[in-house]
Amino acid sequence: MSLTFTREFRVRHYECDAFGHLNNANYLRYMQEAAFDASAAAGYDPERYSEIGHHWLIRETDIEYLKPLKFGDRVNVKTWVIDFHNIHSRRAYEFIVLGSDEIAAKAVTDWVYINSDNGRLAKIPMELKVAFFPEGIPNEYPLRNPFPSAPPPPEGVFEMNLRVAWQDIDSAQHVNNAVYLNYIDECGMQVIAAHGWPVSRMLDEGFAILIRRHQIQYRHPAKLEDELRITTWASDIRRSTATRHYKIERKDDNQQIAFVHSKGVYVNLESGRPARFPETFLADFAPNLIL
């Protein structure tokens, strides 16, 4: 059985978005902090990794937002290792609201083990695996699902450009994994405005599109002052949900940096419940949709 670690967080006001909810990117920051502390509790803190000359990088994240967290909420982030393979390891997370058994979010990250000297993928040593499975490493692990592919973009694919800023960079000297959600959040705001539905109009009409799930694949690191191009389009249109795809590339060499699938839910703000997309809304977005 894997070691299970729990860390408590209190949602701070500056971590919330304009709806008063914990910003989506901050869930990933909580997860990263909990993972670091869980690793330290197993005997592998940053100093230990520095001594052995290796570190971990996140390759994929899959998170489902089940209940909004708000300012002042206290939440336990429970985390444990799901599996170890040659160079990969998956870690699971649950966000449990204090005072209840209610799960506000759940997630899985896929980490890769890196040689710090040459930046190459490295084999995970048995000693490390045993530290996280002290009662014995399982003979079998749960199956992995491949990262989903997106349909080809339509003619009306939307494009946004940005430059990586200093505040986006973490101690590994590349864009932090959570920052990509800030990037696509801005791109999402721009694409709805470009099709005649800025968030101010949505609010005036009493609805919003809230994110239910993010699936992120980090393909190559982005670094300080990189010029990035983000393209986006939507597919899988249902009664009240749709999936928006984001492709992030470095402009000077077209290197793919990350890909994101973002499932959104059309919500009536008065009732707080999902509602049907209006026909006029879908018609305005038609050039950017795969129907």
C-alpha atoms as a PDB file:
ATOM      1  CA  MET A   1       0.000   0.000   0.000  1.00  0.00           C
ATOM      2  CA  SER A   2       1.277   3.443  -0.917  1.00  0.00           C
ATOM      3  CA  LEU A   3       2.086   6.024   1.735  1.00  0.00           C
ATOM      4  CA  THR A   4      -0.766   8.550   2.018  1.00  0.00           C
ATOM      5  CA  PHE A   5      -0.001  12.140   2.959  1.00  0.00           C
ATOM      6  CA  THR A   6      -2.461  14.907   3.827  1.00  0.00           C
ATOM      7  CA  ARG A   7      -1.828  18.629   3.997  1.00  0.00           C
ATOM      8  CA  GLU A   8      -4.305  21.325   5.007  1.00  0.00           C
ATOM      9  CA  PHE A   9      -4.736  24.562   3.068  1.00  0.00           C
ATOM     10  CA  ARG A  10      -6.890  27.615   3.736  1.00  0.00           C
ATOM     11  CA  VAL A  11      -8.127  29.421   0.638  1.00  0.00           C
ATOM     12  CA  ARG A  12      -6.858  32.988   0.670  1.00  0.00           C
ATOM     13  CA  HIS A  13      -8.634  35.926  -0.890  1.00  0.00           C
ATOM     14  CA  TYR A  14      -5.867  36.639  -3.394  1.00  0.00           C
ATOM     15  CA  GLU A  15      -6.085  33.055  -4.653  1.00  0.00           C
ATOM     16  CA  CYS A  16      -9.677  33.493  -5.830  1.00  0.00           C
ATOM     17  CA  ASP A  17     -11.001  34.558  -9.226  1.00  0.00           C
ATOM     18  CA  ALA A  18     -13.693  37.088 -10.143  1.00  0.00           C
ATOM     19  CA  PHE A  19     -16.408  34.555  -9.283  1.00  0.00           C
ATOM     20  CA  GLY A  20     -15.010  34.221  -5.766  1.00  0.00           C
ATOM     21  CA  HIS A  21     -13.801  30.687  -6.456  1.00  0.00           C
ATOM     22  CA  LEU A  22     -10.306  29.323  -5.917  1.00  0.00           C
ATOM     23  CA  ASN A  23      -8.593  29.971  -9.242  1.00  0.00           C
ATOM     24  CA  ASN A  24      -8.129  26.784 -11.278  1.00  0.00           C
ATOM     25  CA  ALA A  25      -4.356  27.226 -11.466  1.00  0.00           C
ATOM     26  CA  ASN A  26      -4.116  27.394  -7.674  1.00  0.00           C
ATOM     27  CA  TYR A  27      -5.438  23.852  -7.333  1.00  0.00           C
ATOM     28  CA  LEU A  28      -2.302  22.780  -9.197  1.00  0.00           C
ATOM     29  CA  ARG A  29      -0.142  24.865  -6.861  1.00  0.00           C
ATOM     30  CA  TYR A  30      -1.729  23.163  -3.838  1.00  0.00           C
ATOM     31  CA  MET A  31      -1.074  19.786  -5.486  1.00  0.00           C
ATOM     32  CA  GLN A  32       2.560  20.619  -6.109  1.00  0.00           C
ATOM     33  CA  GLU A  33       3.084  21.720  -2.505  1.00  0.00           C
ATOM     34  CA  ALA A  34       1.365  18.599  -1.196  1.00  0.00           C
ATOM     35  CA  ALA A  35       3.485  16.395  -3.477  1.00  0.00           C
ATOM     36  CA  PHE A  36       6.717  18.024  -2.292  1.00  0.00           C
ATOM     37  CA  ASP A  37       5.730  17.556   1.341  1.00  0.00           C
ATOM     38  CA  ALA A  38       4.633  13.962   0.713  1.00  0.00           C
ATOM     39  CA  SER A  39       7.990  13.202  -0.882  1.00  0.00           C
ATOM     40  CA  ALA A  40       9.829  14.788   2.061  1.00  0.00           C
ATOM     41  CA  ALA A  41       7.762  12.683   4.484  1.00  0.00           C
ATOM     42  CA  ALA A  42       8.988   9.587   2.623  1.00  0.00           C
ATOM     43  CA  GLY A  43      12.593  10.705   3.034  1.00  0.00           C
ATOM     44  CA  TYR A  44      13.036  12.490  -0.278  1.00  0.00           C
ATOM     45  CA  ASP A  45      13.073  16.234   0.325  1.00  0.00           C
ATOM     46  CA  PRO A  46      14.683  18.718  -2.118  1.00  0.00           C
ATOM     47  CA  GLU A  47      18.064  18.372  -0.411  1.00  0.00           C
ATOM     48  CA  ARG A  48      17.982  14.574  -0.836  1.00  0.00           C
ATOM     49  CA  TYR A  49      17.157  14.880  -4.528  1.00  0.00           C
ATOM     50  CA  SER A  50      19.979  17.405  -4.910  1.00  0.00           C
ATOM     51  CA  GLU A  51      22.395  14.946  -3.297  1.00  0.00           C
ATOM     52  CA  ILE A  52      21.426  12.111  -5.644  1.00  0.00           C
ATOM     53  CA  GLY A  53      21.414  14.412  -8.670  1.00  0.00           C
ATOM     54  CA  HIS A  54      17.862  13.793  -9.829  1.00  0.00           C
ATOM     55  CA  HIS A  55      14.486  15.512  -9.743  1.00  0.00           C
ATOM     56  CA  TRP A  56      10.911  15.094 -10.943  1.00  0.00           C
ATOM     57  CA  LEU A  57       9.004  16.967 -13.658  1.00  0.00           C
ATOM     58  CA  ILE A  58       5.290  16.803 -14.378  1.00  0.00           C
ATOM     59  CA  ARG A  59       4.456  15.401 -17.801  1.00  0.00           C
ATOM     60  CA  GLU A  60       0.631  15.290 -17.548  1.00  0.00           C
ATOM     61  CA  THR A  61      -2.126  16.577 -15.260  1.00  0.00           C
ATOM     62  CA  ASP A  62      -5.776  15.542 -15.200  1.00  0.00           C
ATOM     63  CA  ILE A  63      -7.978  17.419 -12.725  1.00  0.00           C
ATOM     64  CA  GLU A  64     -11.745  17.454 -12.210  1.00  0.00           C
ATOM     65  CA  TYR A  65     -13.354  20.341 -10.323  1.00  0.00           C
ATOM     66  CA  LEU A  66     -16.400  18.975  -8.495  1.00  0.00           C
ATOM     67  CA  LYS A  67     -17.320  21.774  -6.071  1.00  0.00           C
ATOM     68  CA  PRO A  68     -16.008  25.359  -6.022  1.00  0.00           C
ATOM     69  CA  LEU A  69     -13.748  26.274  -3.123  1.00  0.00           C
ATOM     70  CA  LYS A  70     -14.152  29.806  -1.812  1.00  0.00           C
ATOM     71  CA  PHE A  71     -12.298  32.311   0.339  1.00  0.00           C
ATOM     72  CA  GLY A  72     -11.852  31.018   3.867  1.00  0.00           C
ATOM     73  CA  ASP A  73     -12.568  27.389   3.018  1.00  0.00           C
ATOM     74  CA  ARG A  74     -10.237  24.878   4.607  1.00  0.00           C
ATOM     75  CA  VAL A  75      -9.382  21.849   2.562  1.00  0.00           C
ATOM     76  CA  ASN A  76      -7.254  18.767   3.052  1.00  0.00           C
ATOM     77  CA  VAL A  77      -5.273  17.734   0.002  1.00  0.00           C
ATOM     78  CA  LYS A  78      -4.707  13.994   0.282  1.00  0.00           C
ATOM     79  CA  THR A  79      -2.111  12.487  -2.026  1.00  0.00           C
ATOM     80  CA  TRP A  80      -0.522   9.123  -2.717  1.00  0.00           C
ATOM     81  CA  VAL A  81       1.560   7.396  -5.397  1.00  0.00           C
ATOM     82  CA  ILE A  82      -0.453   5.205  -7.778  1.00  0.00           C
ATOM     83  CA  ASP A  83       2.381   3.508  -9.633  1.00  0.00           C
ATOM     84  CA  PHE A  84       6.032   3.382 -10.588  1.00  0.00           C
ATOM     85  CA  HIS A  85       7.224   2.364 -14.033  1.00  0.00           C
ATOM     86  CA  ASN A  86      10.637   2.665 -15.630  1.00  0.00           C
ATOM     87  CA  ILE A  87      10.805   6.475 -15.760  1.00  0.00           C
ATOM     88  CA  HIS A  88       7.203   7.468 -14.889  1.00  0.00           C
ATOM     89  CA  SER A  89       5.197   7.693 -11.695  1.00  0.00           C
ATOM     90  CA  ARG A  90       1.575   8.705 -11.223  1.00  0.00           C
ATOM     91  CA  ARG A  91       0.375  10.516  -8.121  1.00  0.00           C
ATOM     92  CA  ALA A  92      -3.292  10.933  -7.113  1.00  0.00           C
ATOM     93  CA  TYR A  93      -4.900  13.801  -5.181  1.00  0.00           C
ATOM     94  CA  GLU A  94      -8.221  14.467  -3.473  1.00  0.00           C
ATOM     95  CA  PHE A  95      -9.373  17.864  -2.179  1.00  0.00           C
ATOM     96  CA  ILE A  96     -11.567  17.144   0.847  1.00  0.00           C
ATOM     97  CA  VAL A  97     -13.466  20.000   2.496  1.00  0.00           C
ATOM     98  CA  LEU A  98     -12.763  20.088   6.222  1.00  0.00           C
ATOM     99  CA  GLY A  99     -15.666  19.051   8.394  1.00  0.00           C
ATOM    100  CA  SER A 100     -17.124  16.803   5.700  1.00  0.00           C
ATOM    101  CA  ASP A 101     -16.244  13.923   3.432  1.00  0.00           C
ATOM    102  CA  GLU A 102     -17.113  16.035   0.394  1.00  0.00           C
ATOM    103  CA  ILE A 103     -14.547  15.876  -2.406  1.00  0.00           C
ATOM    104  CA  ALA A 104     -14.160  19.279  -4.053  1.00  0.00           C
ATOM    105  CA  ALA A 105     -11.702  18.100  -6.704  1.00  0.00           C
ATOM    106  CA  LYS A 106      -9.679  15.064  -7.691  1.00  0.00           C
ATOM    107  CA  ALA A 107      -6.610  14.806  -9.856  1.00  0.00           C
ATOM    108  CA  VAL A 108      -3.773  12.678 -11.156  1.00  0.00           C
ATOM    109  CA  THR A 109      -0.327  13.837 -12.233  1.00  0.00           C
ATOM    110  CA  ASP A 110       2.166  11.838 -14.261  1.00  0.00           C
ATOM    111  CA  TRP A 111       5.744  12.641 -13.245  1.00  0.00           C
ATOM    112  CA  VAL A 112       8.988  11.715 -15.013  1.00  0.00           C
ATOM    113  CA  TYR A 113      12.319  11.159 -13.271  1.00  0.00           C
ATOM    114  CA  ILE A 114      15.124  13.379 -14.571  1.00  0.00           C
ATOM    115  CA  ASN A 115      18.916  13.321 -14.310  1.00  0.00           C
ATOM    116  CA  SER A 116      19.705  16.847 -13.104  1.00  0.00           C
ATOM    117  CA  ASP A 117      23.152  16.917 -14.741  1.00  0.00           C
ATOM    118  CA  ASN A 118      22.095  16.234 -18.326  1.00  0.00           C
ATOM    119  CA  GLY A 119      18.320  16.809 -18.215  1.00  0.00           C
ATOM    120  CA  ARG A 120      17.613  13.326 -19.568  1.00  0.00           C
ATOM    121  CA  LEU A 121      15.001  10.836 -18.449  1.00  0.00           C
ATOM    122  CA  ALA A 122      16.359   8.427 -15.845  1.00  0.00           C
ATOM    123  CA  LYS A 123      15.358   5.040 -14.456  1.00  0.00           C
ATOM    124  CA  ILE A 124      13.620   5.252 -11.084  1.00  0.00           C
ATOM    125  CA  PRO A 125      15.760   3.366  -8.505  1.00  0.00           C
ATOM    126  CA  MET A 126      14.241   0.549  -6.479  1.00  0.00           C
ATOM    127  CA  GLU A 127      15.254   2.285  -3.230  1.00  0.00           C
ATOM    128  CA  LEU A 128      12.999   5.213  -4.082  1.00  0.00           C
ATOM    129  CA  LYS A 129      10.080   2.987  -5.019  1.00  0.00           C
ATOM    130  CA  VAL A 130      10.308   1.116  -1.719  1.00  0.00           C
ATOM    131  CA  ALA A 131      10.241   4.401   0.223  1.00  0.00           C
ATOM    132  CA  PHE A 132       6.746   5.130  -1.142  1.00  0.00           C
ATOM    133  CA  PHE A 133       5.512   1.511  -0.943  1.00  0.00           C
ATOM    134  CA  PRO A 134       6.994   0.417   2.418  1.00  0.00           C
ATOM    135  CA  GLU A 135       4.622  -2.543   2.703  1.00  0.00           C
ATOM    136  CA  GLY A 136       5.719  -3.882  -0.663  1.00  0.00           C
ATOM    137  CA  ILE A 137       5.528  -2.753  -4.282  1.00  0.00           C
ATOM    138  CA  PRO A 138       2.321  -4.002  -5.956  1.00  0.00           C
ATOM    139  CA  ASN A 139       2.580  -6.691  -8.613  1.00  0.00           C
ATOM    140  CA  GLU A 140       0.073  -4.812 -10.750  1.00  0.00           C
ATOM    141  CA  TYR A 141      -0.970  -1.184 -11.085  1.00  0.00           C
ATOM    142  CA  PRO A 142      -4.206   0.397 -12.352  1.00  0.00           C
ATOM    143  CA  LEU A 143      -4.267   0.816 -16.109  1.00  0.00           C
ATOM    144  CA  ARG A 144      -3.125   4.093 -17.617  1.00  0.00           C
ATOM    145  CA  ASN A 145      -5.315   5.909 -20.136  1.00  0.00           C
ATOM    146  CA  PRO A 146      -3.487   7.592 -23.018  1.00  0.00           C
ATOM    147  CA  PHE A 147      -3.702  11.357 -23.316  1.00  0.00           C
ATOM    148  CA  PRO A 148      -6.676  12.064 -25.624  1.00  0.00           C
ATOM    149  CA  SER A 149      -6.145  13.520 -29.066  1.00  0.00           C
ATOM    150  CA  ALA A 150      -8.087  16.515 -30.341  1.00  0.00           C
ATOM    151  CA  PRO A 151      -9.977  16.850 -33.628  1.00  0.00           C
ATOM    152  CA  PRO A 152      -8.233  18.984 -36.261  1.00  0.00           C
ATOM    153  CA  PRO A 153      -8.909  22.694 -35.783  1.00  0.00           C
ATOM    154  CA  PRO A 154     -11.591  24.412 -37.894  1.00  0.00           C
ATOM    155  CA  GLU A 155     -10.927  27.292 -40.258  1.00  0.00           C
ATOM    156  CA  GLY A 156     -11.948  29.695 -37.506  1.00  0.00           C
ATOM    157  CA  VAL A 157      -9.224  28.599 -35.068  1.00  0.00           C
ATOM    158  CA  PHE A 158      -8.372  31.484 -32.719  1.00  0.00           C
ATOM    159  CA  GLU A 159      -4.795  32.589 -32.028  1.00  0.00           C
ATOM    160  CA  MET A 160      -3.235  34.551 -29.174  1.00  0.00           C
ATOM    161  CA  ASN A 161       0.434  35.439 -28.670  1.00  0.00           C
ATOM    162  CA  LEU A 162       2.347  36.175 -25.479  1.00  0.00           C
ATOM    163  CA  ARG A 163       5.877  36.436 -24.132  1.00  0.00           C
ATOM    164  CA  VAL A 164       6.995  34.409 -21.106  1.00  0.00           C
ATOM    165  CA  ALA A 165       7.571  36.813 -18.211  1.00  0.00           C
ATOM    166  CA  TRP A 166       9.831  36.558 -15.168  1.00  0.00           C
ATOM    167  CA  GLN A 167       6.932  35.858 -12.792  1.00  0.00           C
ATOM    168  CA  ASP A 168       6.022  32.767 -14.849  1.00  0.00           C
ATOM    169  CA  ILE A 169       9.340  31.037 -14.156  1.00  0.00           C
ATOM    170  CA  ASP A 170       9.977  28.648 -11.267  1.00  0.00           C
ATOM    171  CA  SER A 171      13.212  27.415  -9.686  1.00  0.00           C
ATOM    172  CA  ALA A 172      13.685  24.887 -12.499  1.00  0.00           C
ATOM    173  CA  GLN A 173      14.104  27.912 -14.804  1.00  0.00           C
ATOM    174  CA  HIS A 174      11.057  27.184 -16.943  1.00  0.00           C
ATOM    175  CA  VAL A 175       7.367  28.069 -16.916  1.00  0.00           C
ATOM    176  CA  ASN A 176       5.723  26.500 -13.866  1.00  0.00           C
ATOM    177  CA  ASN A 177       3.117  23.862 -14.680  1.00  0.00           C
ATOM    178  CA  ALA A 178       0.292  25.852 -13.057  1.00  0.00           C
ATOM    179  CA  VAL A 179       1.033  28.967 -15.127  1.00  0.00           C
ATOM    180  CA  TYR A 180      -0.178  27.282 -18.311  1.00  0.00           C
ATOM    181  CA  LEU A 181      -3.693  27.430 -16.866  1.00  0.00           C
ATOM    182  CA  ASN A 182      -3.272  31.202 -16.470  1.00  0.00           C
ATOM    183  CA  TYR A 183      -2.225  31.347 -20.127  1.00  0.00           C
ATOM    184  CA  ILE A 184      -5.235  29.431 -21.408  1.00  0.00           C
ATOM    185  CA  ASP A 185      -7.558  31.328 -19.064  1.00  0.00           C
ATOM    186  CA  GLU A 186      -6.484  34.565 -20.757  1.00  0.00           C
ATOM    187  CA  CYS A 187      -6.804  32.960 -24.185  1.00  0.00           C
ATOM    188  CA  GLY A 188     -10.295  31.780 -23.238  1.00  0.00           C
ATOM    189  CA  MET A 189     -11.293  35.313 -22.271  1.00  0.00           C
ATOM    190  CA  GLN A 190      -9.973  36.632 -25.576  1.00  0.00           C
ATOM    191  CA  VAL A 191     -11.682  34.040 -27.751  1.00  0.00           C
ATOM    192  CA  ILE A 192     -15.130  34.622 -26.217  1.00  0.00           C
ATOM    193  CA  ALA A 193     -14.712  38.386 -26.609  1.00  0.00           C
ATOM    194  CA  ALA A 194     -13.648  37.953 -30.239  1.00  0.00           C
ATOM    195  CA  HIS A 195     -16.922  36.132 -30.929  1.00  0.00           C
ATOM    196  CA  GLY A 196     -19.104  38.778 -29.327  1.00  0.00           C
ATOM    197  CA  TRP A 197     -19.463  37.261 -25.871  1.00  0.00           C
ATOM    198  CA  PRO A 198     -17.083  39.004 -23.471  1.00  0.00           C
ATOM    199  CA  VAL A 199     -17.487  37.904 -19.891  1.00  0.00           C
ATOM    200  CA  SER A 200     -19.292  41.180 -19.082  1.00  0.00           C
ATOM    201  CA  ARG A 201     -22.059  40.262 -21.562  1.00  0.00           C
ATOM    202  CA  MET A 202     -22.301  36.749 -20.141  1.00  0.00           C
ATOM    203  CA  LEU A 203     -22.714  38.143 -16.639  1.00  0.00           C
ATOM    204  CA  ASP A 204     -25.328  40.645 -17.827  1.00  0.00           C
ATOM    205  CA  GLU A 205     -27.296  37.746 -19.300  1.00  0.00           C
ATOM    206  CA  GLY A 206     -26.945  35.767 -16.074  1.00  0.00           C
ATOM    207  CA  PHE A 207     -24.642  32.934 -17.014  1.00  0.00           C
ATOM    208  CA  ALA A 208     -21.019  31.851 -17.027  1.00  0.00           C
ATOM    209  CA  ILE A 209     -18.923  29.001 -18.363  1.00  0.00           C
ATOM    210  CA  LEU A 210     -17.183  27.239 -15.478  1.00  0.00           C
ATOM    211  CA  ILE A 211     -14.433  24.679 -15.913  1.00  0.00           C
ATOM    212  CA  ARG A 212     -15.229  21.105 -14.938  1.00  0.00           C
ATOM    213  CA  ARG A 213     -12.018  19.388 -16.063  1.00  0.00           C
ATOM    214  CA  HIS A 214      -8.517  20.163 -17.334  1.00  0.00           C
ATOM    215  CA  GLN A 215      -6.294  17.607 -19.061  1.00  0.00           C
ATOM    216  CA  ILE A 216      -2.806  18.971 -19.664  1.00  0.00           C
ATOM    217  CA  GLN A 217       0.185  17.462 -21.393  1.00  0.00           C
ATOM    218  CA  TYR A 218       3.521  19.251 -20.969  1.00  0.00           C
ATOM    219  CA  ARG A 219       5.629  18.423 -24.031  1.00  0.00           C
ATOM    220  CA  HIS A 220       8.623  20.771 -23.828  1.00  0.00           C
ATOM    221  CA  PRO A 221       9.598  23.507 -21.331  1.00  0.00           C
ATOM    222  CA  ALA A 222       8.991  27.155 -22.102  1.00  0.00           C
ATOM    223  CA  LYS A 223      11.619  29.557 -20.812  1.00  0.00           C
ATOM    224  CA  LEU A 224      12.016  33.231 -20.021  1.00  0.00           C
ATOM    225  CA  GLU A 225      11.213  35.561 -22.943  1.00  0.00           C
ATOM    226  CA  ASP A 226      10.018  32.756 -25.215  1.00  0.00           C
ATOM    227  CA  GLU A 227       7.358  34.006 -27.621  1.00  0.00           C
ATOM    228  CA  LEU A 228       4.410  31.633 -27.428  1.00  0.00           C
ATOM    229  CA  ARG A 229       1.488  31.132 -29.768  1.00  0.00           C
ATOM    230  CA  ILE A 230      -1.729  29.701 -28.311  1.00  0.00           C
ATOM    231  CA  THR A 231      -4.377  28.418 -30.691  1.00  0.00           C
ATOM    232  CA  THR A 232      -7.812  27.299 -29.539  1.00  0.00           C
ATOM    233  CA  TRP A 233     -11.005  25.732 -30.835  1.00  0.00           C
ATOM    234  CA  ALA A 234     -13.916  23.797 -29.315  1.00  0.00           C
ATOM    235  CA  SER A 235     -15.592  20.461 -29.952  1.00  0.00           C
ATOM    236  CA  ASP A 236     -17.805  17.838 -28.320  1.00  0.00           C
ATOM    237  CA  ILE A 237     -20.696  20.274 -27.946  1.00  0.00           C
ATOM    238  CA  ARG A 238     -23.418  18.899 -25.690  1.00  0.00           C
ATOM    239  CA  ARG A 239     -26.538  20.374 -24.106  1.00  0.00           C
ATOM    240  CA  SER A 240     -24.593  22.366 -21.496  1.00  0.00           C
ATOM    241  CA  THR A 241     -20.956  21.291 -21.920  1.00  0.00           C
ATOM    242  CA  ALA A 242     -18.191  21.650 -24.478  1.00  0.00           C
ATOM    243  CA  THR A 243     -14.485  20.904 -24.657  1.00  0.00           C
ATOM    244  CA  ARG A 244     -12.076  23.648 -25.667  1.00  0.00           C
ATOM    245  CA  HIS A 245      -8.651  22.645 -26.951  1.00  0.00           C
ATOM    246  CA  TYR A 246      -5.508  24.749 -26.558  1.00  0.00           C
ATOM    247  CA  LYS A 247      -2.234  24.162 -28.384  1.00  0.00           C
ATOM    248  CA  ILE A 248       0.739  26.098 -27.046  1.00  0.00           C
ATOM    249  CA  GLU A 249       3.797  26.454 -29.314  1.00  0.00           C
ATOM    250  CA  ARG A 250       7.017  28.423 -29.320  1.00  0.00           C
ATOM    251  CA  LYS A 251       6.777  30.818 -32.249  1.00  0.00           C
ATOM    252  CA  ASP A 252      10.364  30.883 -33.494  1.00  0.00           C
ATOM    253  CA  ASP A 253      10.644  27.113 -34.123  1.00  0.00           C
ATOM    254  CA  ASN A 254       7.007  25.865 -33.823  1.00  0.00           C
ATOM    255  CA  GLN A 255       8.052  23.586 -30.963  1.00  0.00           C
ATOM    256  CA  GLN A 256       4.976  22.204 -29.210  1.00  0.00           C
ATOM    257  CA  ILE A 257       5.119  23.253 -25.562  1.00  0.00           C
ATOM    258  CA  ALA A 258       1.824  21.991 -24.133  1.00  0.00           C
ATOM    259  CA  PHE A 259      -1.644  20.826 -25.063  1.00  0.00           C
ATOM    260  CA  VAL A 260      -4.767  21.316 -22.962  1.00  0.00           C
ATOM    261  CA  HIS A 261      -8.302  19.933 -23.125  1.00  0.00           C
ATOM    262  CA  SER A 262     -10.630  22.090 -21.046  1.00  0.00           C
ATOM    263  CA  LYS A 263     -14.205  20.921 -20.414  1.00  0.00           C
ATOM    264  CA  GLY A 264     -16.540  23.803 -19.620  1.00  0.00           C
ATOM    265  CA  VAL A 265     -20.090  23.855 -18.277  1.00  0.00           C
ATOM    266  CA  TYR A 266     -22.674  26.523 -19.156  1.00  0.00           C
ATOM    267  CA  VAL A 267     -24.144  27.568 -15.788  1.00  0.00           C
ATOM    268  CA  ASN A 268     -27.136  29.724 -14.855  1.00  0.00           C
ATOM    269  CA  LEU A 269     -25.723  32.014 -12.161  1.00  0.00           C
ATOM    270  CA  GLU A 270     -29.056  32.484 -10.378  1.00  0.00           C
ATOM    271  CA  SER A 271     -29.736  28.786  -9.910  1.00  0.00           C
ATOM    272  CA  GLY A 272     -26.125  27.636 -10.002  1.00  0.00           C
ATOM    273  CA  ARG A 273     -27.190  24.756 -12.240  1.00  0.00           C
ATOM    274  CA  PRO A 274     -26.138  23.756 -15.773  1.00  0.00           C
ATOM    275  CA  ALA A 275     -28.345  25.117 -18.556  1.00  0.00           C
ATOM    276  CA  ARG A 276     -28.676  24.604 -22.293  1.00  0.00           C
ATOM    277  CA  PHE A 277     -26.405  26.647 -24.564  1.00  0.00           C
ATOM    278  CA  PRO A 278     -28.527  29.301 -26.342  1.00  0.00           C
ATOM    279  CA  GLU A 279     -28.740  28.844 -30.114  1.00  0.00           C
ATOM    280  CA  THR A 280     -27.534  32.418 -30.650  1.00  0.00           C
ATOM    281  CA  PHE A 281     -24.451  31.711 -28.562  1.00  0.00           C
ATOM    282  CA  LEU A 282     -23.555  28.606 -30.571  1.00  0.00           C
ATOM    283  CA  ALA A 283     -24.231  30.417 -33.845  1.00  0.00           C
ATOM    284  CA  ASP A 284     -21.819  33.218 -32.927  1.00  0.00           C
ATOM    285  CA  PHE A 285     -19.105  30.664 -32.148  1.00  0.00           C
ATOM    286  CA  ALA A 286     -19.791  28.447 -35.163  1.00  0.00           C
ATOM    287  CA  PRO A 287     -16.517  29.272 -37.030  1.00  0.00           C
ATOM    288  CA  ASN A 288     -14.510  28.152 -33.978  1.00  0.00           C
ATOM    289  CA  LEU A 289     -16.447  24.936 -33.311  1.00  0.00           C
ATOM    290  CA  ILE A 290     -16.215  21.336 -34.474  1.00  0.00           C
ATOM    291  CA  LEU A 291     -19.832  20.199 -34.468  1.00  0.00           C
END
